[in-house]
Amino acid sequence: MRGIPPQRPHIRLHDVFKNMKDILRRLKLERGTIYKHAKYRVGLLKPSNYFLSMSSLGLQVIYRLFNEADDFCAQRAFLPDDPENEHTILCYESRTPLANMDIIAISIAYELEIPDLMRCFKCIGLSPFAAQRDINAPLVLIGGPLSFSNMETLRDVADCMILGEGEGLIEKFCDVYRRHPHKSLFLDAAPKEIPEVWTPRTSHLIPPCRFVDKSVLPATSQIITPETEFGDMFMIESERGCHRRCKFCVMRREETAGMRLVPADTVCALTPRDIKKVGLVGAAVSDHPELLDMVGRLVADGHTVSLSSLRTDRISEPLIDLLAQSGLKTLTIAADGPTEALRKMLTKDVSEEQLMRAAQIARERNMAVKLYVMIGLPGETDEDMDEFARFVIEGFSGLRLSLGVSPFVSKRHTPLDQLPFAGIKVVENRLKRLSQKLRGKAEIRSVSAKWAFIEHAFAQGGPEMAHIAYEAVNNGGKFSDWKRALLKAGKNVE
């Protein structure tokens, strides 16, 4: 079966040479890139640009796991910087067109990467829908953090899916593929040999998300590069999962097999001495019982340390002093709900007192503050915006304050699943109300209410959403194009 020439779209040489310069420049700046030739080639696609994608620890872990198999090589590919004018996507390590790989493995982090996935398929000249792709086209494997909420939207796109955590499953996947090295053969064998891998064409029953034992942790960076959101940072898990029960979060305790801790000794031992910046990664890093010791040892070794999450009720002066010593200049915290009553509804144990204490700690150290809040929550009123504005003015006075505002989007597998979107106009009016009251007091950065509405449609939708995305993107990708595509599919649009 290996002798059958796979379906490959026409590649324009002009497009290949146009992309080469940026790829070669970026590769030259990387440390840890894996260059390898092997029998089976995996194009590891992240449907975001290089700058954002290389901040994904999960992507780097999958890259390493595929390359650890002797007869497999994984090469990275990304959403082009100008996808509307590109007609191919090249894999970085060999500059081979992505469409020429044996397997296209796609990592999806959240719902609004799906439109960019449609742009990627358009660039490489393959249909995004499995039923329309030739049997000799590359096998399309999809996984990533979206599997913790709603992979149903990609049912018609994937040939197969990995749901949950990939450690251990990638090895099984490679073993089955090397014994059945053609898409049709693999898809016949996979459901019997790897029950954790979902093949939508043979089963409508979605397997549960898979979680690994802490013995395989931690995940660590493979590639360090300055051309990423975190710039030359070595990322390492200090824990995985979460022990909290926030009702809006897909990483809550009931859904993620709890919190699996990595000992401080392990984190410190695996951190390269010659890397300056270290990022401790996890859904609840600041809940680690050895965090203060861990950060202290890393700082003493000359590292600057960043945390992916810092819970307000875990902030202490010794911890902030250590982080400040390592270069922290901005304290980032989340209120999540605008009032204490709404936070209690979310099972988010953050009090005004804790937030004000965090503000005071920042004030005493001349730090800036980033404060995050959700609006459009169930039961929320305009008066809640007034109350939040009052609290911000009183509690954060004298600080350089940046306020990040996100509309609430209900997700599958959470207690708030199936709740409707608050409304585009409602969210926009509440944001306007908040902005007016905080003018001159805080720099407000908000997620668009319109795109939050689209995210909600994906989060609560099914396979039809991929088809809607395909039509909207092909028609230009503006909100008006989404509106027409949603209405055509019989969806309510505000």
Protein backbone atom coordinates (compact mmCIF):
# COMPACT_ATOMS: atom_id res chain seq x y z
CA MET A 1 0.00 0.00 0.00
CA ARG A 2 2.98 2.34 0.48
CA GLY A 3 3.43 2.34 -3.30
CA ILE A 4 0.14 4.16 -3.95
CA PRO A 5 0.89 7.83 -4.71
CA PRO A 6 -1.07 9.98 -2.28
CA GLN A 7 -3.32 12.83 -3.34
CA ARG A 8 -1.15 15.95 -3.43
CA PRO A 9 -2.36 19.39 -4.51
CA HIS A 10 -0.40 21.47 -7.03
CA ILE A 11 2.37 23.49 -5.35
CA ARG A 12 3.41 26.82 -6.85
CA LEU A 13 7.19 27.32 -6.65
CA HIS A 14 6.75 31.07 -6.23
CA ASP A 15 4.89 30.47 -2.95
CA VAL A 16 7.56 28.05 -1.74
CA PHE A 17 10.39 30.53 -2.23
CA LYS A 18 8.37 33.39 -0.76
CA ASN A 19 8.03 31.56 2.59
CA MET A 20 11.59 30.24 2.74
CA LYS A 21 13.30 33.40 3.98
CA ASP A 22 11.26 33.76 7.19
CA ILE A 23 11.48 30.03 7.92
CA LEU A 24 15.27 29.95 7.60
CA ARG A 25 15.63 33.07 9.75
CA ARG A 26 13.46 31.60 12.51
CA LEU A 27 15.20 28.23 12.42
CA LYS A 28 18.56 29.94 12.82
CA LEU A 29 17.36 31.49 16.11
CA GLU A 30 16.02 28.22 17.56
CA ARG A 31 17.72 25.99 20.09
CA GLY A 32 16.64 22.34 20.39
CA THR A 33 15.16 21.88 16.90
CA ILE A 34 15.06 18.21 15.84
CA TYR A 35 16.32 17.50 12.32
CA LYS A 36 15.61 13.93 11.36
CA HIS A 37 14.88 11.69 8.35
CA ALA A 38 12.54 8.75 8.87
CA LYS A 39 10.22 6.43 6.99
CA TYR A 40 7.00 8.03 8.22
CA ARG A 41 6.68 11.80 8.15
CA VAL A 42 4.36 13.76 10.44
CA GLY A 43 3.45 17.36 9.69
CA LEU A 44 2.62 18.83 13.09
CA LEU A 45 0.26 21.72 12.33
CA LYS A 46 -0.67 24.47 14.77
CA PRO A 47 -3.34 26.72 13.17
CA SER A 48 -1.92 29.89 14.71
CA ASN A 49 1.09 31.91 13.62
CA TYR A 50 4.62 30.92 14.60
CA PHE A 51 4.91 33.58 17.33
CA LEU A 52 1.87 32.28 19.24
CA SER A 53 2.27 28.59 18.40
CA MET A 54 5.77 28.28 19.79
CA SER A 55 4.40 29.38 23.17
CA SER A 56 2.43 26.10 23.33
CA LEU A 57 4.07 23.57 25.64
CA GLY A 58 1.67 20.86 24.44
CA LEU A 59 2.79 21.32 20.84
CA GLN A 60 6.42 20.91 21.85
CA VAL A 61 5.66 17.74 23.82
CA ILE A 62 3.90 16.09 20.87
CA TYR A 63 6.79 17.16 18.62
CA ARG A 64 9.25 15.39 20.93
CA LEU A 65 7.09 12.25 21.35
CA PHE A 66 6.71 11.65 17.61
CA ASN A 67 10.42 12.20 17.06
CA GLU A 68 11.30 9.71 19.79
CA ALA A 69 9.90 6.93 17.57
CA ASP A 70 12.81 5.67 15.45
CA ASP A 71 10.90 5.44 12.16
CA PHE A 72 8.86 8.66 12.58
CA CYS A 73 9.88 12.26 12.18
CA ALA A 74 7.72 15.23 13.12
CA GLN A 75 8.11 18.60 11.46
CA ARG A 76 6.28 21.76 12.48
CA ALA A 77 3.92 23.83 10.34
CA PHE A 78 1.93 26.95 11.20
CA LEU A 79 -0.76 29.27 9.95
CA PRO A 80 1.00 31.55 7.45
CA ASP A 81 1.48 35.18 8.40
CA ASP A 82 -0.70 36.15 5.40
CA PRO A 83 -3.00 33.15 4.89
CA GLU A 84 -5.28 34.86 2.38
CA ASN A 85 -2.40 35.16 -0.08
CA GLU A 86 -0.58 31.88 0.54
CA HIS A 87 -1.06 28.73 -1.53
CA THR A 88 1.10 26.29 0.39
CA ILE A 89 2.34 25.65 3.93
CA LEU A 90 5.87 24.39 4.41
CA CYS A 91 7.08 22.22 7.27
CA TYR A 92 9.91 24.08 8.95
CA GLU A 93 12.53 21.40 9.43
CA SER A 94 12.74 20.25 5.77
CA ARG A 95 10.74 22.96 3.97
CA THR A 96 8.58 20.13 2.59
CA PRO A 97 4.98 21.09 1.71
CA LEU A 98 2.66 20.03 4.54
CA ALA A 99 0.34 18.34 2.04
CA ASN A 100 3.15 15.91 1.13
CA MET A 101 3.45 14.41 4.61
CA ASP A 102 2.11 10.96 5.50
CA ILE A 103 0.26 12.29 8.55
CA ILE A 104 -1.02 15.78 9.35
CA ALA A 105 -1.29 16.00 13.14
CA ILE A 106 -3.23 19.09 14.24
CA SER A 107 -3.19 20.61 17.72
CA ILE A 108 -6.27 22.73 18.53
CA ALA A 109 -6.21 24.77 21.73
CA TYR A 110 -9.58 26.52 21.64
CA GLU A 111 -12.62 27.14 19.47
CA LEU A 112 -11.48 30.23 17.57
CA GLU A 113 -8.52 28.32 16.11
CA ILE A 114 -11.00 26.36 13.97
CA PRO A 115 -11.52 29.19 11.43
CA ASP A 116 -7.74 29.40 11.06
CA LEU A 117 -7.65 25.63 10.58
CA MET A 118 -10.01 26.15 7.63
CA ARG A 119 -7.57 28.75 6.26
CA CYS A 120 -4.74 26.22 6.60
CA PHE A 121 -6.61 23.58 4.61
CA LYS A 122 -7.34 26.17 1.95
CA CYS A 123 -3.63 27.07 1.76
CA ILE A 124 -2.50 23.48 1.29
CA GLY A 125 -5.24 22.62 -1.21
CA LEU A 126 -6.92 19.82 0.72
CA SER A 127 -10.56 19.62 1.69
CA PRO A 128 -11.08 20.16 5.43
CA PHE A 129 -13.68 17.38 5.43
CA ALA A 130 -12.61 13.75 5.69
CA ALA A 131 -15.37 12.46 3.40
CA GLN A 132 -14.16 14.72 0.58
CA ARG A 133 -10.47 13.83 0.82
CA ASP A 134 -8.98 11.12 -1.36
CA ILE A 135 -8.16 7.87 0.41
CA ASN A 136 -4.50 8.50 -0.47
CA ALA A 137 -4.44 11.97 1.08
CA PRO A 138 -2.50 12.31 4.35
CA LEU A 139 -4.08 10.89 7.48
CA VAL A 140 -5.50 13.80 9.50
CA LEU A 141 -5.06 13.34 13.27
CA ILE A 142 -6.51 16.00 15.61
CA GLY A 143 -5.90 16.53 19.32
CA GLY A 144 -5.14 19.28 21.80
CA PRO A 145 -6.73 21.13 24.72
CA LEU A 146 -10.03 21.58 22.86
CA SER A 147 -10.66 17.89 23.52
CA PHE A 148 -11.38 18.76 27.16
CA SER A 149 -14.46 20.71 26.07
CA ASN A 150 -15.94 20.05 22.62
CA MET A 151 -14.19 18.15 19.83
CA GLU A 152 -17.60 17.28 18.38
CA THR A 153 -17.23 20.33 16.12
CA LEU A 154 -14.34 18.59 14.31
CA ARG A 155 -16.05 15.22 13.83
CA ASP A 156 -16.32 15.70 10.06
CA VAL A 157 -12.76 17.07 9.75
CA ALA A 158 -10.64 14.46 11.49
CA ASP A 159 -9.79 10.99 10.24
CA CYS A 160 -9.04 10.23 13.89
CA MET A 161 -8.69 12.09 17.19
CA ILE A 162 -6.73 11.81 20.40
CA LEU A 163 -8.89 13.02 23.28
CA GLY A 164 -7.06 14.21 26.37
CA GLU A 165 -3.40 13.86 27.23
CA GLY A 166 -1.10 12.42 24.56
CA GLU A 167 1.75 10.85 26.54
CA GLY A 168 1.66 7.09 25.97
CA LEU A 169 -0.94 7.35 23.20
CA ILE A 170 1.51 8.72 20.65
CA GLU A 171 3.67 5.63 21.14
CA LYS A 172 0.61 3.37 20.59
CA PHE A 173 -0.41 5.40 17.56
CA CYS A 174 3.04 4.99 15.98
CA ASP A 175 3.05 1.25 16.68
CA VAL A 176 -0.30 0.71 14.96
CA TYR A 177 0.57 2.98 12.03
CA ARG A 178 3.88 1.22 11.29
CA ARG A 179 1.98 -2.09 11.09
CA HIS A 180 -0.83 -0.56 8.99
CA PRO A 181 0.98 2.22 7.07
CA HIS A 182 -1.83 3.55 4.93
CA LYS A 183 -4.81 5.64 5.92
CA SER A 184 -7.46 3.06 5.03
CA LEU A 185 -5.58 0.24 6.76
CA PHE A 186 -4.85 2.33 9.84
CA LEU A 187 -8.47 3.49 10.22
CA ASP A 188 -9.66 -0.11 10.05
CA ALA A 189 -7.16 -1.24 12.70
CA ALA A 190 -7.11 1.72 15.10
CA PRO A 191 -10.55 1.28 16.77
CA LYS A 192 -9.66 -2.30 17.77
CA GLU A 193 -6.08 -1.62 18.85
CA ILE A 194 -6.29 1.88 20.37
CA PRO A 195 -9.74 2.34 21.93
CA GLU A 196 -8.68 5.73 23.34
CA VAL A 197 -8.30 7.09 19.77
CA TRP A 198 -11.60 8.15 18.21
CA THR A 199 -12.24 7.37 14.55
CA PRO A 200 -15.48 9.22 13.72
CA ARG A 201 -16.15 7.26 10.52
CA THR A 202 -16.53 4.00 12.49
CA SER A 203 -17.98 5.22 15.79
CA HIS A 204 -20.40 7.93 16.85
CA LEU A 205 -19.55 7.21 20.49
CA ILE A 206 -16.88 9.65 21.69
CA PRO A 207 -14.45 8.03 24.15
CA PRO A 208 -13.76 9.86 27.41
CA CYS A 209 -10.74 12.12 27.73
CA ARG A 210 -7.60 10.30 28.73
CA PHE A 211 -5.41 11.38 31.65
CA VAL A 212 -1.92 10.17 32.42
CA ASP A 213 -0.29 9.21 35.68
CA LYS A 214 2.01 11.77 37.26
CA SER A 215 4.93 9.41 36.67
CA VAL A 216 5.19 10.67 33.06
CA LEU A 217 5.34 14.31 34.14
CA PRO A 218 6.64 16.95 33.71
CA ALA A 219 6.28 18.25 30.19
CA THR A 220 9.17 20.52 29.23
CA SER A 221 10.13 22.76 26.33
CA GLN A 222 11.95 21.15 23.42
CA ILE A 223 12.68 24.32 21.43
CA ILE A 224 13.74 27.69 22.85
CA THR A 225 13.37 30.73 20.60
CA PRO A 226 13.26 34.50 21.06
CA GLU A 227 10.53 34.78 18.41
CA THR A 228 7.66 33.77 20.63
CA GLU A 229 5.27 35.34 23.11
CA PHE A 230 7.53 34.40 26.04
CA GLY A 231 10.87 35.00 24.29
CA ASP A 232 13.67 32.49 25.02
CA MET A 233 11.76 30.94 27.94
CA PHE A 234 12.16 27.34 29.09
CA MET A 235 8.70 26.04 30.08
CA ILE A 236 8.25 23.22 32.57
CA GLU A 237 5.19 21.83 34.31
CA SER A 238 5.16 22.11 38.06
CA GLU A 239 1.76 20.44 38.13
CA ARG A 240 -1.01 19.27 35.81
CA GLY A 241 -4.76 19.51 36.29
CA CYS A 242 -6.57 21.41 39.01
CA HIS A 243 -8.09 20.63 42.39
CA ARG A 244 -10.51 23.58 42.36
CA ARG A 245 -14.15 23.53 41.28
CA CYS A 246 -14.72 26.77 39.35
CA LYS A 247 -18.00 26.19 37.52
CA PHE A 248 -16.96 27.86 34.27
CA CYS A 249 -13.64 26.04 33.76
CA VAL A 250 -13.00 22.87 31.74
CA MET A 251 -9.90 22.22 33.87
CA ARG A 252 -11.88 21.92 37.11
CA ARG A 253 -11.16 19.03 39.49
CA GLU A 254 -14.00 16.77 38.38
CA GLU A 255 -12.91 16.89 34.74
CA THR A 256 -9.11 16.59 34.94
CA ALA A 257 -8.34 13.72 37.32
CA GLY A 258 -7.41 16.25 39.97
CA MET A 259 -4.06 17.93 40.45
CA ARG A 260 -0.89 15.95 39.77
CA LEU A 261 2.17 17.53 41.39
CA VAL A 262 5.76 17.52 40.16
CA PRO A 263 8.25 17.64 43.08
CA ALA A 264 10.38 20.77 43.40
CA ASP A 265 13.52 18.61 43.19
CA THR A 266 12.41 17.33 39.76
CA VAL A 267 11.56 20.78 38.41
CA CYS A 268 14.89 22.22 39.53
CA ALA A 269 16.90 19.26 38.25
CA LEU A 270 15.32 19.40 34.79
CA THR A 271 15.74 23.16 34.36
CA PRO A 272 18.83 23.91 32.23
CA ARG A 273 21.34 26.06 34.11
CA ASP A 274 22.20 28.08 31.01
CA ILE A 275 18.62 29.23 30.32
CA LYS A 276 17.80 32.57 31.92
CA LYS A 277 13.98 32.63 31.74
CA VAL A 278 11.89 29.83 33.26
CA GLY A 279 8.11 29.50 33.07
CA LEU A 280 6.32 27.25 35.56
CA VAL A 281 3.27 25.89 33.75
CA GLY A 282 0.01 24.41 35.01
CA ALA A 283 -3.64 25.19 35.63
CA ALA A 284 -3.01 25.86 39.33
CA VAL A 285 0.72 26.53 39.70
CA SER A 286 0.33 28.78 42.72
CA ASP A 287 -1.43 25.97 44.62
CA HIS A 288 1.72 23.82 44.58
CA PRO A 289 2.70 23.17 48.22
CA GLU A 290 6.43 23.51 47.38
CA LEU A 291 6.09 26.60 45.22
CA LEU A 292 8.00 28.98 47.49
CA ASP A 293 10.90 26.55 47.82
CA MET A 294 10.85 25.84 44.07
CA VAL A 295 10.89 29.51 43.04
CA GLY A 296 13.53 30.32 45.66
CA ARG A 297 15.89 27.66 44.34
CA LEU A 298 15.38 28.69 40.72
CA VAL A 299 16.00 32.35 41.55
CA ALA A 300 19.10 31.42 43.56
CA ASP A 301 20.38 29.61 40.45
CA GLY A 302 20.11 32.86 38.49
CA HIS A 303 16.82 32.26 36.66
CA THR A 304 14.00 34.72 36.16
CA VAL A 305 10.75 32.92 36.98
CA SER A 306 7.23 33.38 35.62
CA LEU A 307 4.07 31.54 36.68
CA SER A 308 1.29 30.63 34.24
CA SER A 309 -1.31 31.15 36.97
CA LEU A 310 -1.26 33.08 40.24
CA ARG A 311 -4.36 32.68 42.39
CA THR A 312 -5.21 35.71 44.48
CA ASP A 313 -5.68 33.67 47.65
CA ARG A 314 -2.17 32.21 47.26
CA ILE A 315 -0.32 35.51 46.95
CA SER A 316 2.17 36.07 49.74
CA GLU A 317 4.79 38.75 50.29
CA PRO A 318 7.71 36.26 50.30
CA LEU A 319 6.55 34.79 46.95
CA ILE A 320 6.10 38.19 45.31
CA ASP A 321 9.46 39.35 46.65
CA LEU A 322 11.15 36.33 45.06
CA LEU A 323 9.37 36.91 41.76
CA ALA A 324 10.27 40.61 41.89
CA GLN A 325 13.89 39.67 42.56
CA SER A 326 13.81 37.57 39.40
CA GLY A 327 12.41 40.43 37.33
CA LEU A 328 8.63 40.47 37.83
CA LYS A 329 7.30 43.98 37.18
CA THR A 330 3.58 43.28 36.69
CA LEU A 331 1.34 41.33 39.06
CA THR A 332 -1.37 39.47 37.14
CA ILE A 333 -4.49 38.41 39.02
CA ALA A 334 -8.07 37.41 38.19
CA ALA A 335 -11.28 38.53 39.81
CA ASP A 336 -13.25 36.48 37.22
CA GLY A 337 -16.62 37.79 38.43
CA PRO A 338 -17.27 41.53 38.86
CA THR A 339 -18.86 41.12 42.32
CA GLU A 340 -18.45 38.79 45.25
CA ALA A 341 -21.96 37.38 44.76
CA LEU A 342 -21.20 36.46 41.15
CA ARG A 343 -17.87 34.95 42.14
CA LYS A 344 -19.63 32.76 44.69
CA MET A 345 -22.03 31.66 41.96
CA LEU A 346 -18.97 30.59 39.95
CA THR A 347 -17.49 28.79 42.99
CA LYS A 348 -14.58 31.21 42.62
CA ASP A 349 -13.28 31.82 46.12
CA VAL A 350 -11.89 35.30 45.59
CA SER A 351 -12.89 38.03 48.03
CA GLU A 352 -12.58 41.80 47.73
CA GLU A 353 -10.26 41.66 50.71
CA GLN A 354 -7.88 39.29 48.90
CA LEU A 355 -7.90 41.42 45.76
CA MET A 356 -7.21 44.58 47.75
CA ARG A 357 -4.37 42.87 49.60
CA ALA A 358 -2.82 41.85 46.26
CA ALA A 359 -3.15 45.46 45.09
CA GLN A 360 -1.43 46.70 48.23
CA ILE A 361 1.45 44.24 47.81
CA ALA A 362 1.90 45.50 44.24
CA ARG A 363 1.64 49.13 45.36
CA GLU A 364 4.36 48.71 47.98
CA ARG A 365 6.70 47.24 45.36
CA ASN A 366 5.87 49.74 42.63
CA MET A 367 4.47 47.00 40.42
CA ALA A 368 1.88 47.36 37.69
CA VAL A 369 -1.25 45.18 37.92
CA LYS A 370 -3.18 43.24 35.29
CA LEU A 371 -6.66 42.36 36.49
CA TYR A 372 -8.94 39.99 34.57
CA VAL A 373 -12.72 39.86 34.81
CA MET A 374 -15.58 38.16 32.95
CA ILE A 375 -18.80 39.95 32.10
CA GLY A 376 -22.09 38.65 30.73
CA LEU A 377 -22.39 36.10 33.53
CA PRO A 378 -25.67 34.41 34.47
CA GLY A 379 -27.71 36.73 36.69
CA GLU A 380 -25.46 39.72 36.08
CA THR A 381 -26.95 43.23 35.90
CA ASP A 382 -25.79 46.70 34.88
CA GLU A 383 -25.53 47.51 38.57
CA ASP A 384 -22.84 44.84 38.90
CA MET A 385 -20.73 46.88 36.46
CA ASP A 386 -21.19 49.95 38.66
CA GLU A 387 -20.19 47.97 41.74
CA PHE A 388 -17.10 46.58 40.04
CA ALA A 389 -16.05 50.03 38.82
CA ARG A 390 -16.41 51.40 42.36
CA PHE A 391 -14.29 48.58 43.74
CA VAL A 392 -11.56 49.06 41.13
CA ILE A 393 -11.39 52.82 41.75
CA GLU A 394 -11.16 52.35 45.52
CA GLY A 395 -9.01 49.23 45.66
CA PHE A 396 -6.51 49.89 42.87
CA SER A 397 -5.98 53.63 43.17
CA GLY A 398 -2.44 54.82 42.48
CA LEU A 399 -1.54 51.70 40.49
CA ARG A 400 -0.72 51.28 36.80
CA LEU A 401 -3.75 49.10 36.10
CA SER A 402 -4.57 47.11 32.96
CA LEU A 403 -8.03 45.56 32.98
CA GLY A 404 -8.68 42.57 30.74
CA VAL A 405 -12.39 42.00 30.08
CA SER A 406 -13.73 38.77 28.53
CA PRO A 407 -17.36 37.90 27.79
CA PHE A 408 -18.48 34.70 29.51
CA VAL A 409 -18.73 31.68 27.16
CA SER A 410 -20.30 28.51 28.55
CA LYS A 411 -18.33 25.34 27.82
CA ARG A 412 -19.22 21.66 27.58
CA HIS A 413 -18.35 19.43 30.53
CA THR A 414 -18.83 22.22 33.06
CA PRO A 415 -21.76 22.93 35.42
CA LEU A 416 -22.57 26.01 33.30
CA ASP A 417 -22.87 24.02 30.08
CA GLN A 418 -25.75 25.00 27.75
CA LEU A 419 -26.23 28.46 29.21
CA PRO A 420 -26.98 31.00 26.47
CA PHE A 421 -24.69 33.86 25.49
CA ALA A 422 -25.65 37.06 27.31
CA GLY A 423 -26.10 38.91 24.02
CA ILE A 424 -23.79 40.93 21.81
CA LYS A 425 -25.55 44.22 22.53
CA VAL A 426 -25.81 43.43 26.25
CA VAL A 427 -22.08 42.71 26.50
CA GLU A 428 -21.14 45.74 24.42
CA ASN A 429 -23.33 48.02 26.54
CA ARG A 430 -21.86 46.69 29.80
CA LEU A 431 -18.35 47.12 28.48
CA LYS A 432 -19.18 50.69 27.44
CA ARG A 433 -20.65 51.35 30.89
CA LEU A 434 -17.52 49.99 32.57
CA SER A 435 -15.22 51.95 30.26
CA GLN A 436 -16.99 55.22 30.99
CA LYS A 437 -16.75 54.76 34.74
CA LEU A 438 -13.07 53.72 34.65
CA ARG A 439 -11.88 56.28 32.11
CA GLY A 440 -8.48 57.51 33.24
CA LYS A 441 -8.33 54.88 36.00
CA ALA A 442 -7.43 51.77 34.01
CA GLU A 443 -6.35 50.72 30.54
CA ILE A 444 -9.15 48.42 29.37
CA ARG A 445 -8.55 45.65 26.87
CA SER A 446 -11.56 43.60 25.93
CA VAL A 447 -12.40 40.56 23.86
CA SER A 448 -14.89 41.42 21.10
CA ALA A 449 -18.47 40.57 22.02
CA LYS A 450 -19.07 39.48 18.42
CA TRP A 451 -16.21 36.99 18.40
CA ALA A 452 -17.15 35.76 21.88
CA PHE A 453 -20.57 35.01 20.38
CA ILE A 454 -18.87 32.96 17.62
CA GLU A 455 -16.78 31.16 20.26
CA HIS A 456 -20.00 30.33 22.13
CA ALA A 457 -21.54 28.94 18.93
CA PHE A 458 -18.53 26.60 18.58
CA ALA A 459 -18.47 25.70 22.29
CA GLN A 460 -22.14 24.70 22.25
CA GLY A 461 -22.27 23.45 18.66
CA GLY A 462 -21.73 20.21 16.81
CA PRO A 463 -20.24 19.09 13.47
CA GLU A 464 -22.27 21.71 11.62
CA MET A 465 -19.98 24.41 13.05
CA ALA A 466 -17.00 23.25 10.98
CA HIS A 467 -19.11 23.56 7.83
CA ILE A 468 -20.30 27.01 8.91
CA ALA A 469 -16.68 28.01 9.55
CA TYR A 470 -15.66 26.76 6.10
CA GLU A 471 -18.35 28.83 4.39
CA ALA A 472 -17.69 31.95 6.48
CA VAL A 473 -13.93 31.82 5.91
CA ASN A 474 -14.32 31.22 2.16
CA ASN A 475 -16.61 34.23 1.94
CA GLY A 476 -14.09 36.52 3.63
CA GLY A 477 -14.22 35.69 7.34
CA LYS A 478 -15.75 38.98 8.51
CA PHE A 479 -18.47 38.91 11.16
CA SER A 480 -21.09 39.63 8.48
CA ASP A 481 -19.92 36.48 6.66
CA TRP A 482 -20.30 34.47 9.86
CA LYS A 483 -23.74 35.92 10.42
CA ARG A 484 -24.91 34.86 6.94
CA ALA A 485 -23.43 31.38 7.34
CA LEU A 486 -25.04 30.89 10.75
CA LEU A 487 -28.44 32.08 9.53
CA LYS A 488 -28.19 29.82 6.48
CA ALA A 489 -27.60 26.89 8.84
CA GLY A 490 -30.66 27.81 10.90
CA LYS A 491 -28.73 29.21 13.87
CA ASN A 492 -29.96 32.14 15.94
CA VAL A 493 -27.91 35.29 15.43
CA GLU A 494 -28.33 38.31 17.64
